Amino acid sequence: MIVMAAAASVITTKWPYILRTSGTLPQSAATIAQWAAKNGAAKMYS
């Protein structure tokens, strides 16, 4: 099975034959936070 837009990481642990083509929300947040910190952002809100 191919899941195109699954944001939860648990999906790949439930079935032995699954491919997730998107990343998890923490992966996206970490990348954005690192970029924001390097570019002078001092405070973050979500």
N, C-alpha and C. Protein backbone atom coordinates (compact mmCIF):
# COMPACT_ATOMS: atom_id res chain seq x y z
N MET A 1 0.84 -1.16 0.00
CA MET A 1 0.00 0.00 0.00
C MET A 1 0.89 1.24 0.00
N ILE A 2 0.50 2.26 -0.72
CA ILE A 2 1.22 3.53 -0.75
C ILE A 2 0.31 4.59 -0.15
N VAL A 3 0.80 5.27 0.86
CA VAL A 3 0.05 6.34 1.51
C VAL A 3 0.72 7.66 1.12
N MET A 4 -0.02 8.51 0.45
CA MET A 4 0.57 9.72 -0.12
C MET A 4 0.72 10.87 0.88
N ALA A 5 -0.20 11.04 1.81
CA ALA A 5 -0.18 12.23 2.68
C ALA A 5 -0.41 11.86 4.14
N ALA A 6 0.35 10.94 4.65
CA ALA A 6 0.21 10.53 6.05
C ALA A 6 1.24 11.25 6.89
N ALA A 7 0.78 12.02 7.85
CA ALA A 7 1.70 12.80 8.68
C ALA A 7 2.12 12.07 9.95
N ALA A 8 1.46 11.01 10.30
CA ALA A 8 1.78 10.29 11.53
C ALA A 8 2.80 9.18 11.26
N SER A 9 3.77 9.07 12.14
CA SER A 9 4.81 8.06 11.95
C SER A 9 4.34 6.66 12.30
N VAL A 10 3.29 6.53 13.10
CA VAL A 10 2.80 5.21 13.53
C VAL A 10 2.25 4.38 12.37
N ILE A 11 1.87 5.02 11.30
CA ILE A 11 1.26 4.31 10.16
C ILE A 11 2.20 3.24 9.62
N THR A 12 3.47 3.53 9.55
CA THR A 12 4.41 2.56 8.98
C THR A 12 4.72 1.41 9.93
N THR A 13 4.34 1.51 11.18
CA THR A 13 4.58 0.42 12.13
C THR A 13 3.42 -0.56 12.22
N LYS A 14 2.29 -0.22 11.65
CA LYS A 14 1.08 -1.05 11.78
C LYS A 14 0.96 -2.12 10.71
N TRP A 15 1.55 -1.91 9.54
CA TRP A 15 1.43 -2.85 8.44
C TRP A 15 2.82 -3.16 7.87
N PRO A 16 3.09 -4.39 7.51
CA PRO A 16 4.44 -4.74 7.03
C PRO A 16 4.74 -4.24 5.62
N TYR A 17 3.72 -4.01 4.81
CA TYR A 17 3.95 -3.61 3.41
C TYR A 17 3.30 -2.26 3.16
N ILE A 18 3.95 -1.20 3.61
CA ILE A 18 3.40 0.14 3.43
C ILE A 18 4.54 1.11 3.09
N LEU A 19 4.26 2.06 2.23
CA LEU A 19 5.23 3.08 1.84
C LEU A 19 4.60 4.44 2.10
N ARG A 20 5.22 5.24 2.93
CA ARG A 20 4.73 6.59 3.20
C ARG A 20 5.59 7.56 2.41
N THR A 21 4.99 8.35 1.55
CA THR A 21 5.76 9.26 0.69
C THR A 21 5.92 10.65 1.29
N SER A 22 5.32 10.90 2.43
CA SER A 22 5.45 12.20 3.07
C SER A 22 6.19 12.04 4.40
N GLY A 23 6.57 13.15 4.99
CA GLY A 23 7.27 13.12 6.28
C GLY A 23 6.31 13.30 7.44
N THR A 24 6.85 13.17 8.64
CA THR A 24 6.03 13.38 9.84
C THR A 24 6.02 14.86 10.20
N LEU A 25 5.08 15.25 11.01
CA LEU A 25 4.99 16.64 11.43
C LEU A 25 6.24 17.09 12.21
N PRO A 26 6.78 16.27 13.13
CA PRO A 26 8.01 16.70 13.81
C PRO A 26 9.18 16.90 12.84
N GLN A 27 9.26 16.13 11.78
CA GLN A 27 10.34 16.32 10.80
C GLN A 27 10.21 17.69 10.14
N SER A 28 9.00 18.07 9.79
CA SER A 28 8.78 19.39 9.17
C SER A 28 9.06 20.51 10.15
N ALA A 29 8.58 20.37 11.38
CA ALA A 29 8.75 21.41 12.39
C ALA A 29 10.21 21.62 12.71
N ALA A 30 10.98 20.55 12.83
CA ALA A 30 12.40 20.67 13.15
C ALA A 30 13.14 21.41 12.05
N THR A 31 12.83 21.12 10.80
CA THR A 31 13.48 21.78 9.67
C THR A 31 13.15 23.27 9.65
N ILE A 32 11.90 23.60 9.85
CA ILE A 32 11.48 25.01 9.84
C ILE A 32 12.10 25.75 11.03
N ALA A 33 12.14 25.11 12.20
CA ALA A 33 12.71 25.75 13.39
C ALA A 33 14.20 26.04 13.21
N GLN A 34 14.93 25.09 12.63
CA GLN A 34 16.35 25.31 12.39
C GLN A 34 16.57 26.47 11.43
N TRP A 35 15.78 26.53 10.38
CA TRP A 35 15.90 27.63 9.41
C TRP A 35 15.58 28.96 10.08
N ALA A 36 14.50 29.01 10.86
CA ALA A 36 14.08 30.25 11.52
C ALA A 36 15.14 30.73 12.50
N ALA A 37 15.72 29.82 13.27
CA ALA A 37 16.75 30.20 14.24
C ALA A 37 17.98 30.77 13.52
N LYS A 38 18.37 30.19 12.41
CA LYS A 38 19.53 30.68 11.65
C LYS A 38 19.26 32.04 11.02
N ASN A 39 17.97 32.35 10.82
CA ASN A 39 17.61 33.60 10.16
C ASN A 39 17.08 34.64 11.14
N GLY A 40 17.40 34.48 12.43
CA GLY A 40 17.13 35.53 13.40
C GLY A 40 15.82 35.47 14.15
N ALA A 41 15.03 34.45 13.99
CA ALA A 41 13.77 34.37 14.73
C ALA A 41 14.06 34.07 16.20
N ALA A 42 13.51 34.85 17.08
CA ALA A 42 13.77 34.66 18.51
C ALA A 42 12.60 33.97 19.21
N LYS A 43 11.40 34.17 18.72
CA LYS A 43 10.22 33.57 19.35
C LYS A 43 9.40 32.83 18.32
N MET A 44 8.82 31.69 18.74
CA MET A 44 7.99 30.89 17.85
C MET A 44 6.66 30.62 18.53
N TYR A 45 5.59 30.58 17.78
CA TYR A 45 4.26 30.28 18.29
C TYR A 45 3.60 29.27 17.38
N SER A 46 2.82 28.39 17.97
CA SER A 46 2.09 27.45 17.13
C SER A 46 0.68 27.29 17.64
